[in-house]
């Protein structure tokens, strides 16, 4: 058998390992995103609530809404907009995770196994895991930033309708085209800096924690590489990711949702640092943790669903455990 024939006879995961891992992680992320999306919508609405810059600029004149906690916000969406609105923006969110999760998972494994060099005994120093996790998250999020922008803006459409404002978009593709026509290519990457910052922090919590906890358990406890180990590791990763990522997530959401001029420049914030300063000065430091509970409540089951699904899909397709 010739080398070319031998290569064609190999299973797909062996012939195209990175493409296969990209597809598997994208499938697992899509499942996790759809299951936990209502919590993401609730979190986004909480992060916009009581925005000091909006009050100062008079953009919400006559339409101030009383503060709502997580449960009242979710219940209000159902009562005022309908149950289906809990999944408003789910389509671009799935698009985002196909790109984001696919790129970050492939990048992290490549950095871990080839660039940073994991030891033969499976030990991987924490500092290397931190560098790999932050780098993979930043790269993945940069490529996925346009889909995240569309997701955030579509999540706010129901609120605009209740306030008597005209809807901005007819659907996902119209949103992409409208943002592109108004702000050009750069407009699709509005808010990418805090977005990438958040993703780096989240993945320092998610990828780094999951990988470190999993291999610590395998090397230092009687646990084996099964669903129990995956569940414990994912629970830890979800909590750490929420703590590290929520402040940057608040800044990212506000920058992406702010009104813009014809040149695509934000009317409320000049940069992510300006948004951070205005938020802390106008609403206090803890405003950076608006939406923390739904963020954590979403990240915990998201991590659990994603990692369990991802590990099982890899096993079924003959790909080694993460």
Foldseek 3Di string as FASTA:
>chain_A
DDPVVVLVPDFPCVNPVLVVLLQLLLVLLLVLCVVQQLLVLLLLVLLVAPQQLCVVVVVCPPPHDDHDASVVSSVCCCVQPNPVLSCFLVVLVSVLSSQLRSQLVSQLCCCDPPVQHQDPVRDDDLVSLLVSQLVSQLVSLQVSQLSVLLSLQRSCQSVCVVVVHDGDAPDSVRSSVVQCQQANPVSSCFLSVLRSVLSSQLSSLARSQLSNQLVCCCVPHPDHPDLVSQLVSQQRSLVSSLVRRQLSVSLSSPRSNADADSNSQGPRARDSVRSSVSCCVRPNPCSSCRSSVSSSVSSSSSSSSSRNSSQVVCVVSVHDGD
